[in-house]
Amino acid sequence: MKTIFDIRAIVPLAAVMVLAVACGGGGGYEPTDSPNPWADNYASVATPDSMDFWAAYNVHDPCVRKFGDTYYCYSTDAAWIPPRPPKADGEKPPKPPRHKFGNIPMRTSKDLVNWEFKGYAFDSIPTEAWEYVHPISGRKTSRGLWAPFVYKEGDTFRMYYCLSTFGEKVSYIGLAEAANPLGPWTPKGCVVKTDSASVMNAIDPTIIENHENGQLWMIYGSFFGGLFAVELNRQTGLTLTDGDQGHLIAHRANYQVDNMEAPEVIYNPDTKKYYLFVSYGPLATTYNVRVAVADRPEGPYTDYLGVDPRGEVNTFPVLTAPYRFENHGGWQGMAHCTCFDDGQGNYYLASQGRPQNEPGMMDLCIRRMDFRADGWPMVSPERYAGEKQATLSLKDLYGKYEIIHVKDNYVEKELSGGQSNVLLPEETNTSEKIELSSANISDFKDGVFSLTLQSSKIDGVKSYIGHDWENQKTTILFSGIDNQGFAIWGKKIN
């Protein structure tokens, strides 16, 4: 069984409360035309011989980090390759171009918008990883590496990588080091390995330091037994105690069937809290991001509703999920995130995003992330495109919006290897138009306001200038979290 997230309007327009007549105009902000920095569909550059043009394409399970003045993106070995054309009668189909793939694609950017493909971290799978996983995997070993994580320790860059087995717990997290964030990378051994008898699954690592005592922790795990925290030796990058697999920090309701995976932990020095971002749902369809918070990276964590995620419960809030605004085919698979800041107090969440009209494609989707006054993060409804901020007045907010409100619908789905390629229900894909005015906006200060809809008041909603990807212009966006822990997104359209 899986959780499907139905993204639809809060209420039909006719059911909205009576609004003030004079609700448009009067503000100082004017939208401007702004072409999208790159197309969503990359069929024209998808073939392996066009790899140098992949840029923000074919990005799955990203890890984005800033070293110096440059952002680096590392990702899983995954690519959408155009299907071969059908064979005509009596003719052989053309052979695909020959190209040697490596392991763990690397990319760089100066602005989080324009990306350059920089090749692969490894020419082949590190020998020690292959020699552990393949003999006991029943020949189900992945032919690529998954979910890398990179951080800098002193003058050394450390990359944690995974070799796993589809649908099983035969997995290996290895460590490699380099003097440069683009390598060359030298394998340094095994961090954690699991087999069919293990409780946990050794994939999806993230590394986080305890900012009070200097302890270094690896949070990892996927599906099966949940997410675990194990302490690392800072000098070696391996576990502090040989063979230690750590302790449980989170799993989800019905976790024997439904997946929780892809942990990412960051520290916010303003709130002095650690944030555990996790992903629910099948990666190609209803994939969605949730978050819990703790005083220490190793836990215990608490979610938005005050619940400890180590119980058989679902974690809230839900920050991202499939969605569709008008004038676009929509997005799905919006999870396995990486979270980071630019060193100037601006936070971002990045993940894969799959166009609903071609869900095999994987675009890098980077979004602004803000923190409410009470410390909970909120994610932008639109991808970041380098837009500049300006002071918004209350009147700037008045006008017509498309609104998306994440809702929770639980339906049964048969999975394959923990994933499912089912089509999204049509009602998952829609937004609704609504007018905002003084009748439903209150307590406005410095871009933050309270939003009242159907007599329900949502505090701490954040407004800002963003990119209207569907209409190729700048606009006013807002994001918030309702009282039940579901994201609410808005985009001004006039």
Protein backbone atom coordinates (compact mmCIF):
# COMPACT_ATOMS: atom_id res chain seq x y z
CA MET A 1 0.00 0.00 0.00
CA LYS A 2 1.18 3.52 -0.75
CA THR A 3 0.31 7.06 0.16
CA ILE A 4 -0.95 9.18 -2.73
CA PHE A 5 -0.86 12.93 -2.33
CA ASP A 6 -3.80 14.65 -3.89
CA ILE A 7 -2.78 18.20 -4.75
CA ARG A 8 -5.93 20.18 -5.43
CA ALA A 9 -7.70 23.36 -4.50
CA ILE A 10 -8.64 24.10 -0.96
CA VAL A 11 -12.17 24.92 -2.03
CA PRO A 12 -13.97 25.67 -5.29
CA LEU A 13 -13.98 29.37 -6.08
CA ALA A 14 -17.70 29.59 -5.43
CA ALA A 15 -17.23 28.34 -1.90
CA VAL A 16 -14.64 30.92 -0.92
CA MET A 17 -15.68 33.50 1.62
CA VAL A 18 -16.97 36.85 0.36
CA LEU A 19 -13.99 38.90 -0.71
CA ALA A 20 -13.38 42.62 -0.80
CA VAL A 21 -14.08 44.13 -4.20
CA ALA A 22 -11.02 46.34 -4.29
CA CYS A 23 -8.47 43.59 -4.05
CA GLY A 24 -6.27 44.01 -7.10
CA GLY A 25 -3.57 46.52 -7.96
CA GLY A 26 -2.31 49.30 -5.78
CA GLY A 27 1.03 47.65 -5.04
CA GLY A 28 4.45 48.69 -6.22
CA TYR A 29 5.68 45.36 -7.59
CA GLU A 30 5.23 44.63 -11.28
CA PRO A 31 6.02 41.23 -12.84
CA THR A 32 8.51 41.05 -15.70
CA ASP A 33 8.98 38.61 -18.54
CA SER A 34 11.60 36.03 -17.62
CA PRO A 35 12.36 33.15 -20.00
CA ASN A 36 12.96 29.78 -18.37
CA PRO A 37 16.70 29.13 -18.06
CA TRP A 38 16.32 25.65 -19.57
CA ALA A 39 13.59 23.51 -21.09
CA ASP A 40 11.86 20.79 -19.05
CA ASN A 41 12.03 18.20 -21.82
CA TYR A 42 15.58 17.26 -22.77
CA ALA A 43 14.98 14.68 -25.48
CA SER A 44 17.18 16.67 -27.88
CA VAL A 45 20.27 16.17 -25.66
CA ALA A 46 19.41 12.93 -23.89
CA THR A 47 21.64 10.55 -25.83
CA PRO A 48 24.99 9.55 -24.29
CA ASP A 49 26.92 11.35 -27.03
CA SER A 50 25.31 14.60 -25.82
CA MET A 51 26.45 14.09 -22.23
CA ASP A 52 28.31 17.38 -22.14
CA PHE A 53 24.94 19.13 -22.53
CA TRP A 54 23.17 17.28 -19.72
CA ALA A 55 23.72 20.19 -17.32
CA ALA A 56 20.66 20.00 -15.00
CA TYR A 57 19.27 16.92 -16.79
CA ASN A 58 19.45 13.25 -15.77
CA VAL A 59 19.81 14.22 -12.11
CA HIS A 60 18.53 11.65 -9.61
CA ASP A 61 19.18 11.60 -5.83
CA PRO A 62 21.27 14.80 -5.90
CA CYS A 63 23.75 16.01 -3.31
CA VAL A 64 24.52 19.74 -3.73
CA ARG A 65 27.28 21.43 -1.74
CA LYS A 66 29.07 24.76 -2.02
CA PHE A 67 32.86 24.74 -1.83
CA GLY A 68 34.45 28.15 -2.23
CA ASP A 69 32.42 30.12 -4.77
CA THR A 70 31.18 27.04 -6.67
CA TYR A 71 28.26 24.67 -6.19
CA TYR A 72 28.90 20.98 -6.86
CA CYS A 73 26.19 18.44 -7.62
CA TYR A 74 26.73 14.68 -7.30
CA SER A 75 24.01 12.18 -8.17
CA THR A 76 22.97 8.58 -8.72
CA ASP A 77 23.95 6.68 -11.87
CA ALA A 78 20.68 7.19 -13.75
CA ALA A 79 19.78 8.50 -17.17
CA TRP A 80 16.75 8.69 -19.43
CA ILE A 81 17.74 7.43 -22.85
CA PRO A 82 15.34 8.00 -25.76
CA PRO A 83 13.61 4.81 -26.90
CA ARG A 84 14.95 3.27 -30.07
CA PRO A 85 12.76 3.91 -33.11
CA PRO A 86 10.49 1.06 -34.20
CA LYS A 87 11.92 -1.43 -36.64
CA ALA A 88 10.62 -1.21 -40.19
CA ASP A 89 9.77 -4.42 -42.01
CA GLY A 90 12.91 -6.19 -43.05
CA GLU A 91 15.19 -3.63 -41.42
CA LYS A 92 17.31 -3.80 -38.32
CA PRO A 93 16.84 -0.94 -35.84
CA PRO A 94 19.80 1.41 -35.63
CA LYS A 95 22.29 0.63 -32.92
CA PRO A 96 22.46 3.16 -30.09
CA PRO A 97 25.65 5.24 -29.97
CA ARG A 98 28.47 3.61 -28.04
CA HIS A 99 29.55 5.55 -24.98
CA LYS A 100 31.25 4.52 -21.78
CA PHE A 101 29.27 5.57 -18.73
CA GLY A 102 31.06 6.15 -15.48
CA ASN A 103 29.78 6.17 -11.91
CA ILE A 104 28.42 9.17 -10.00
CA PRO A 105 27.92 12.15 -12.34
CA MET A 106 29.43 15.45 -11.21
CA ARG A 107 28.27 18.97 -12.13
CA THR A 108 29.22 22.53 -11.18
CA SER A 109 27.47 25.89 -11.07
CA LYS A 110 28.23 29.43 -9.92
CA ASP A 111 24.59 30.50 -9.55
CA LEU A 112 22.42 27.36 -9.04
CA VAL A 113 20.85 28.03 -12.45
CA ASN A 114 23.48 27.30 -15.09
CA TRP A 115 25.16 23.91 -14.67
CA GLU A 116 28.09 22.23 -16.38
CA PHE A 117 28.50 18.47 -16.64
CA LYS A 118 31.99 17.54 -15.36
CA GLY A 119 32.12 13.80 -15.93
CA TYR A 120 32.13 10.96 -13.41
CA ALA A 121 33.74 10.34 -10.05
CA PHE A 122 34.71 6.75 -10.93
CA ASP A 123 35.42 4.87 -14.14
CA SER A 124 34.02 1.71 -12.57
CA ILE A 125 32.43 0.47 -9.35
CA PRO A 126 35.05 0.26 -6.58
CA THR A 127 36.28 -3.33 -6.31
CA GLU A 128 35.64 -3.84 -2.60
CA ALA A 129 32.01 -2.81 -2.93
CA TRP A 130 31.40 -5.09 -5.92
CA GLU A 131 33.14 -8.05 -4.32
CA TYR A 132 30.92 -7.79 -1.24
CA VAL A 133 27.52 -7.16 -2.85
CA HIS A 134 27.58 -9.17 -6.08
CA PRO A 135 28.33 -12.68 -4.74
CA ILE A 136 25.44 -12.58 -2.24
CA SER A 137 22.94 -10.56 -4.27
CA GLY A 138 21.62 -13.36 -6.44
CA ARG A 139 22.87 -11.43 -9.47
CA LYS A 140 20.51 -8.55 -8.66
CA THR A 141 23.29 -6.08 -7.97
CA SER A 142 22.78 -2.61 -9.35
CA ARG A 143 25.15 -1.85 -12.22
CA GLY A 144 25.59 1.69 -10.91
CA LEU A 145 26.26 3.58 -7.70
CA TRP A 146 23.49 5.35 -5.80
CA ALA A 147 22.88 8.41 -3.64
CA PRO A 148 26.34 9.92 -3.05
CA PHE A 149 27.04 12.42 -0.29
CA VAL A 150 30.10 14.71 -0.24
CA TYR A 151 31.51 16.93 2.48
CA LYS A 152 34.84 18.51 3.31
CA GLU A 153 36.94 17.43 6.30
CA GLY A 154 39.93 19.74 6.68
CA ASP A 155 41.60 19.83 3.26
CA THR A 156 40.09 16.49 2.19
CA PHE A 157 36.84 15.91 0.34
CA ARG A 158 34.96 12.76 1.35
CA MET A 159 32.43 11.00 -0.82
CA TYR A 160 30.07 8.38 0.61
CA TYR A 161 28.57 6.18 -2.09
CA CYS A 162 26.24 3.16 -2.21
CA LEU A 163 26.13 -0.13 -4.06
CA SER A 164 22.89 -1.98 -3.52
CA THR A 165 20.57 -4.74 -4.68
CA PHE A 166 17.16 -3.97 -6.14
CA GLY A 167 14.41 -4.66 -3.61
CA GLU A 168 16.73 -6.23 -1.00
CA LYS A 169 19.00 -5.30 1.91
CA VAL A 170 22.26 -6.56 0.39
CA SER A 171 23.98 -3.18 0.31
CA TYR A 172 27.27 -1.37 0.92
CA ILE A 173 28.16 2.21 1.83
CA GLY A 174 31.74 3.01 0.90
CA LEU A 175 34.03 5.99 1.39
CA ALA A 176 36.33 7.66 -1.13
CA GLU A 177 38.54 10.71 -0.69
CA ALA A 178 40.04 13.39 -2.92
CA ALA A 179 42.00 16.62 -2.67
CA ASN A 180 39.60 18.32 -5.10
CA PRO A 181 35.77 18.21 -5.18
CA LEU A 182 35.98 16.81 -8.75
CA GLY A 183 38.50 14.14 -7.80
CA PRO A 184 40.33 11.97 -8.59
CA TRP A 185 38.63 9.86 -5.92
CA THR A 186 40.44 7.10 -4.04
CA PRO A 187 38.33 4.40 -2.28
CA LYS A 188 39.09 4.17 1.46
CA GLY A 189 36.96 1.22 2.52
CA CYS A 190 33.58 0.19 3.87
CA VAL A 191 31.54 2.33 6.24
CA VAL A 192 28.46 0.11 6.73
CA LYS A 193 27.37 -3.04 4.92
CA THR A 194 24.16 -5.06 5.26
CA ASP A 195 22.78 -8.38 4.07
CA SER A 196 19.42 -10.12 3.90
CA ALA A 197 19.47 -10.78 7.67
CA SER A 198 20.09 -7.14 8.60
CA VAL A 199 17.39 -4.93 10.07
CA MET A 200 18.42 -1.92 8.02
CA ASN A 201 19.54 -1.21 4.45
CA ALA A 202 22.98 0.37 3.92
CA ILE A 203 22.15 3.09 1.37
CA ASP A 204 21.34 6.82 1.24
CA PRO A 205 24.00 8.29 3.58
CA THR A 206 24.13 11.86 4.84
CA ILE A 207 26.81 13.25 7.16
CA ILE A 208 26.20 15.82 9.89
CA GLU A 209 28.32 17.24 12.71
CA ASN A 210 27.07 17.84 16.23
CA HIS A 211 27.89 21.53 16.59
CA GLU A 212 28.17 21.33 20.38
CA ASN A 213 30.59 18.44 20.88
CA GLY A 214 32.09 17.89 17.42
CA GLN A 215 30.79 14.34 17.01
CA LEU A 216 30.33 13.23 13.41
CA TRP A 217 27.27 11.17 12.48
CA MET A 218 26.12 9.31 9.40
CA ILE A 219 22.35 9.02 8.98
CA TYR A 220 21.33 6.37 6.47
CA GLY A 221 18.71 3.79 5.49
CA SER A 222 15.97 3.08 3.02
CA PHE A 223 12.67 1.20 3.09
CA PHE A 224 12.83 -1.97 5.23
CA GLY A 225 13.85 -1.25 8.86
CA GLY A 226 13.90 2.54 8.76
CA LEU A 227 16.60 5.19 9.20
CA PHE A 228 19.64 4.80 11.46
CA ALA A 229 22.35 7.02 12.95
CA VAL A 230 25.92 5.76 13.46
CA GLU A 231 28.83 7.75 14.85
CA LEU A 232 31.89 8.20 12.65
CA ASN A 233 35.58 8.57 13.40
CA ARG A 234 36.41 12.07 12.21
CA GLN A 235 40.01 11.12 11.36
CA THR A 236 39.14 8.13 9.16
CA GLY A 237 35.57 8.89 8.03
CA LEU A 238 34.63 5.31 8.90
CA THR A 239 32.52 4.18 11.87
CA LEU A 240 33.90 4.98 15.30
CA THR A 241 33.37 1.34 16.30
CA ASP A 242 34.15 -1.29 13.69
CA GLY A 243 31.00 -3.10 12.55
CA ASP A 244 28.63 -0.65 14.26
CA GLN A 245 25.37 -0.19 12.32
CA GLY A 246 23.93 2.49 14.60
CA HIS A 247 20.55 3.05 16.23
CA LEU A 248 17.05 3.66 14.88
CA ILE A 249 15.91 7.28 14.53
CA ALA A 250 12.81 6.96 12.30
CA HIS A 251 10.49 4.71 10.38
CA ARG A 252 6.94 5.12 9.15
CA ALA A 253 3.50 3.62 9.61
CA ASN A 254 3.24 0.16 8.03
CA TYR A 255 6.99 0.38 7.44
CA GLN A 256 7.22 -3.29 6.42
CA VAL A 257 5.36 -2.33 3.23
CA ASP A 258 5.69 1.45 2.79
CA ASN A 259 9.01 3.19 2.30
CA MET A 260 10.81 5.92 4.18
CA GLU A 261 14.18 6.72 2.62
CA ALA A 262 16.70 9.32 1.50
CA PRO A 263 17.52 11.04 4.81
CA GLU A 264 19.14 14.46 4.70
CA VAL A 265 20.11 16.27 7.91
CA ILE A 266 21.10 19.94 8.16
CA TYR A 267 21.77 22.29 11.06
CA ASN A 268 20.28 25.79 11.22
CA PRO A 269 22.41 28.01 13.50
CA ASP A 270 19.55 30.50 13.89
CA THR A 271 17.17 27.93 15.38
CA LYS A 272 19.98 25.74 16.80
CA LYS A 273 18.06 22.71 15.56
CA TYR A 274 18.81 19.72 13.34
CA TYR A 275 16.35 18.95 10.54
CA LEU A 276 15.81 15.42 9.25
CA PHE A 277 14.32 15.48 5.75
CA VAL A 278 12.95 12.14 4.51
CA SER A 279 11.16 10.85 1.41
CA TYR A 280 7.96 8.82 1.20
CA GLY A 281 6.34 7.06 -1.74
CA PRO A 282 7.47 5.48 -5.02
CA LEU A 283 10.25 7.51 -6.62
CA ALA A 284 8.71 7.92 -10.07
CA THR A 285 5.25 9.07 -8.99
CA THR A 286 4.02 10.20 -5.56
CA TYR A 287 7.48 10.79 -4.05
CA ASN A 288 7.21 13.51 -1.37
CA VAL A 289 9.44 15.16 1.26
CA ARG A 290 8.72 15.39 5.00
CA VAL A 291 10.75 16.73 7.91
CA ALA A 292 11.30 16.28 11.66
CA VAL A 293 13.44 18.26 14.10
CA ALA A 294 15.86 17.48 16.96
CA ASP A 295 18.33 19.08 19.35
CA ARG A 296 21.04 16.59 18.31
CA PRO A 297 21.81 15.03 14.92
CA GLU A 298 21.46 11.50 16.32
CA GLY A 299 17.99 12.28 17.68
CA PRO A 300 15.51 11.86 19.17
CA TYR A 301 13.45 13.69 16.53
CA THR A 302 9.96 15.16 16.77
CA ASP A 303 7.60 15.96 13.92
CA TYR A 304 5.23 18.88 13.32
CA LEU A 305 2.48 17.23 15.38
CA GLY A 306 4.81 16.47 18.29
CA VAL A 307 5.18 12.78 17.38
CA ASP A 308 8.39 10.74 17.71
CA PRO A 309 9.06 9.21 14.24
CA ARG A 310 10.52 6.05 15.79
CA GLY A 311 6.97 4.83 16.34
CA GLU A 312 4.87 3.28 13.59
CA VAL A 313 3.54 6.65 12.49
CA ASN A 314 3.72 8.95 9.49
CA THR A 315 5.85 12.07 9.78
CA PHE A 316 4.59 15.61 9.14
CA PRO A 317 4.81 18.22 7.70
CA VAL A 318 4.73 17.33 4.00
CA LEU A 319 6.87 19.90 2.18
CA THR A 320 6.85 18.76 -1.46
CA ALA A 321 4.71 16.42 -3.56
CA PRO A 322 3.52 16.05 -7.18
CA TYR A 323 1.77 19.15 -8.49
CA ARG A 324 0.51 20.91 -11.58
CA PHE A 325 -0.15 24.57 -12.21
CA GLU A 326 -2.01 25.69 -15.33
CA ASN A 327 -0.18 25.94 -18.66
CA HIS A 328 2.08 23.01 -17.84
CA GLY A 329 1.95 19.22 -17.82
CA GLY A 330 2.90 19.02 -14.15
CA TRP A 331 5.61 17.37 -12.06
CA GLN A 332 5.92 14.17 -10.06
CA GLY A 333 8.66 12.25 -8.25
CA MET A 334 9.45 15.37 -6.21
CA ALA A 335 11.70 13.93 -3.49
CA HIS A 336 15.05 12.46 -2.43
CA CYS A 337 16.20 15.93 -1.52
CA THR A 338 19.44 17.65 -0.70
CA CYS A 339 19.35 20.76 1.51
CA PHE A 340 22.02 23.44 1.72
CA ASP A 341 22.70 27.14 2.17
CA ASP A 342 24.74 29.65 0.19
CA GLY A 343 26.78 30.93 3.15
CA GLN A 344 24.72 34.14 3.22
CA GLY A 345 21.70 32.85 5.11
CA ASN A 346 19.72 31.67 2.08
CA TYR A 347 18.56 28.05 2.16
CA TYR A 348 17.60 25.75 -0.70
CA LEU A 349 16.07 22.33 -1.20
CA ALA A 350 16.91 20.42 -4.39
CA SER A 351 15.53 17.15 -5.70
CA GLN A 352 14.76 15.31 -8.86
CA GLY A 353 11.58 16.29 -10.69
CA ARG A 354 9.89 14.19 -13.35
CA PRO A 355 7.68 15.80 -16.02
CA GLN A 356 4.31 14.06 -15.89
CA ASN A 357 4.21 13.79 -19.67
CA GLU A 358 7.59 11.99 -19.66
CA PRO A 359 8.19 10.61 -16.14
CA GLY A 360 11.37 8.80 -17.14
CA MET A 361 13.15 12.15 -17.36
CA MET A 362 14.82 13.56 -14.26
CA ASP A 363 15.41 17.32 -13.99
CA LEU A 364 17.29 19.00 -11.17
CA CYS A 365 14.69 21.11 -9.32
CA ILE A 366 16.09 23.65 -6.84
CA ARG A 367 13.70 25.55 -4.59
CA ARG A 368 14.00 28.33 -2.09
CA MET A 369 13.51 27.19 1.52
CA ASP A 370 12.44 29.52 4.33
CA PHE A 371 12.03 28.90 8.05
CA ARG A 372 8.98 30.10 9.97
CA ALA A 373 9.39 32.00 13.21
CA ASP A 374 8.76 28.74 15.07
CA GLY A 375 11.55 27.02 13.13
CA TRP A 376 9.66 24.85 10.63
CA PRO A 377 10.93 24.95 7.04
CA MET A 378 8.72 25.82 4.07
CA VAL A 379 9.57 25.17 0.42
CA SER A 380 8.79 27.33 -2.61
CA PRO A 381 6.10 26.18 -5.06
CA GLU A 382 8.38 27.03 -7.98
CA ARG A 383 11.96 26.26 -8.93
CA TYR A 384 14.69 28.80 -8.34
CA ALA A 385 15.81 30.75 -11.42
CA GLY A 386 18.08 33.42 -9.95
CA GLU A 387 15.31 35.94 -9.26
CA LYS A 388 16.14 39.04 -7.21
CA GLN A 389 14.12 39.95 -4.14
CA ALA A 390 12.41 43.29 -3.46
CA THR A 391 10.31 44.64 -0.59
CA LEU A 392 6.67 43.66 -0.99
CA SER A 393 3.80 45.66 0.45
CA LEU A 394 0.49 44.27 1.66
CA LYS A 395 -1.24 45.62 -1.45
CA ASP A 396 1.28 43.83 -3.65
CA LEU A 397 -0.19 40.58 -2.36
CA TYR A 398 -3.77 41.40 -3.34
CA GLY A 399 -4.97 39.74 -6.53
CA LYS A 400 -5.76 36.41 -8.20
CA TYR A 401 -3.70 33.33 -7.39
CA GLU A 402 -3.37 29.71 -8.29
CA ILE A 403 -3.26 27.79 -5.03
CA ILE A 404 -2.14 24.22 -4.36
CA HIS A 405 -2.84 22.54 -1.05
CA VAL A 406 -1.25 19.16 -0.40
CA LYS A 407 -3.80 16.57 0.75
CA ASP A 408 -3.31 13.02 1.99
CA ASN A 409 -5.12 10.14 0.26
CA TYR A 410 -4.03 6.60 1.14
CA VAL A 411 -4.55 4.00 -1.56
CA GLU A 412 -3.28 0.48 -2.12
CA LYS A 413 -0.66 -0.08 -4.79
CA GLU A 414 1.31 -3.18 -5.69
CA LEU A 415 4.98 -2.33 -5.60
CA SER A 416 7.98 -3.73 -7.39
CA GLY A 417 11.24 -3.53 -5.46
CA GLY A 418 9.81 -0.84 -3.23
CA GLN A 419 8.78 1.33 -6.15
CA SER A 420 5.80 1.71 -8.46
CA ASN A 421 5.30 3.28 -11.85
CA VAL A 422 1.57 3.77 -11.48
CA LEU A 423 0.05 6.82 -13.11
CA LEU A 424 -1.00 9.68 -10.87
CA PRO A 425 -4.73 10.16 -10.33
CA GLU A 426 -5.88 13.09 -12.45
CA GLU A 427 -7.14 15.03 -9.43
CA THR A 428 -3.57 14.99 -8.06
CA ASN A 429 -2.50 17.34 -10.82
CA THR A 430 -4.64 20.41 -10.38
CA SER A 431 -4.50 23.84 -8.81
CA GLU A 432 -7.41 26.24 -8.21
CA LYS A 433 -7.82 29.98 -8.70
CA ILE A 434 -8.69 32.15 -5.75
CA GLU A 435 -8.72 35.89 -4.96
CA LEU A 436 -6.69 37.21 -2.03
CA SER A 437 -7.52 40.50 -0.32
CA SER A 438 -7.88 42.11 3.08
CA ALA A 439 -10.73 39.66 3.69
CA ASN A 440 -8.33 36.73 3.99
CA ILE A 441 -4.88 38.25 4.54
CA SER A 442 -3.99 39.60 7.98
CA ASP A 443 -1.06 40.25 10.31
CA PHE A 444 1.21 41.22 7.42
CA LYS A 445 4.77 42.13 8.39
CA ASP A 446 8.00 41.90 6.37
CA GLY A 447 6.43 39.62 3.79
CA VAL A 448 4.95 37.20 6.35
CA PHE A 449 1.20 37.02 6.87
CA SER A 450 -1.73 34.95 8.11
CA LEU A 451 -4.02 33.40 5.50
CA THR A 452 -7.65 32.60 6.32
CA LEU A 453 -9.54 30.17 4.09
CA GLN A 454 -12.82 28.47 5.00
CA SER A 455 -12.53 29.96 8.50
CA SER A 456 -9.17 28.20 8.97
CA LYS A 457 -6.26 30.50 9.78
CA ILE A 458 -2.76 29.56 8.64
CA ASP A 459 -0.05 31.61 10.33
CA GLY A 460 3.50 32.27 9.24
CA VAL A 461 2.88 32.22 5.47
CA LYS A 462 5.90 33.63 3.63
CA SER A 463 5.64 35.75 0.45
CA TYR A 464 8.49 36.58 -1.93
CA ILE A 465 9.34 37.17 -5.58
CA GLY A 466 9.85 34.01 -7.60
CA HIS A 467 9.87 32.56 -11.07
CA ASP A 468 6.59 31.58 -12.71
CA TRP A 469 7.96 28.62 -14.62
CA GLU A 470 4.67 27.86 -16.36
CA ASN A 471 4.19 31.41 -17.73
CA GLN A 472 7.86 32.45 -18.00
CA LYS A 473 7.78 35.59 -15.89
CA THR A 474 8.54 36.77 -12.38
CA THR A 475 5.66 36.83 -9.92
CA ILE A 476 4.77 36.79 -6.23
CA LEU A 477 4.82 33.39 -4.57
CA PHE A 478 3.89 32.24 -1.09
CA SER A 479 4.40 29.07 0.90
CA GLY A 480 3.10 27.89 4.27
CA ILE A 481 2.10 24.89 6.34
CA ASP A 482 -1.45 24.32 7.57
CA ASN A 483 -2.37 23.18 11.07
CA GLN A 484 -2.37 19.51 10.04
CA GLY A 485 1.11 19.60 8.53
CA PHE A 486 0.47 19.98 4.80
CA ALA A 487 2.14 22.50 2.51
CA ILE A 488 0.11 25.27 0.94
CA TRP A 489 1.51 27.03 -2.12
CA GLY A 490 0.38 30.12 -4.00
CA LYS A 491 1.38 31.86 -7.23
CA LYS A 492 -0.03 35.26 -8.22
CA ILE A 493 -1.29 35.28 -11.79
CA ASN A 494 -2.74 38.84 -12.02
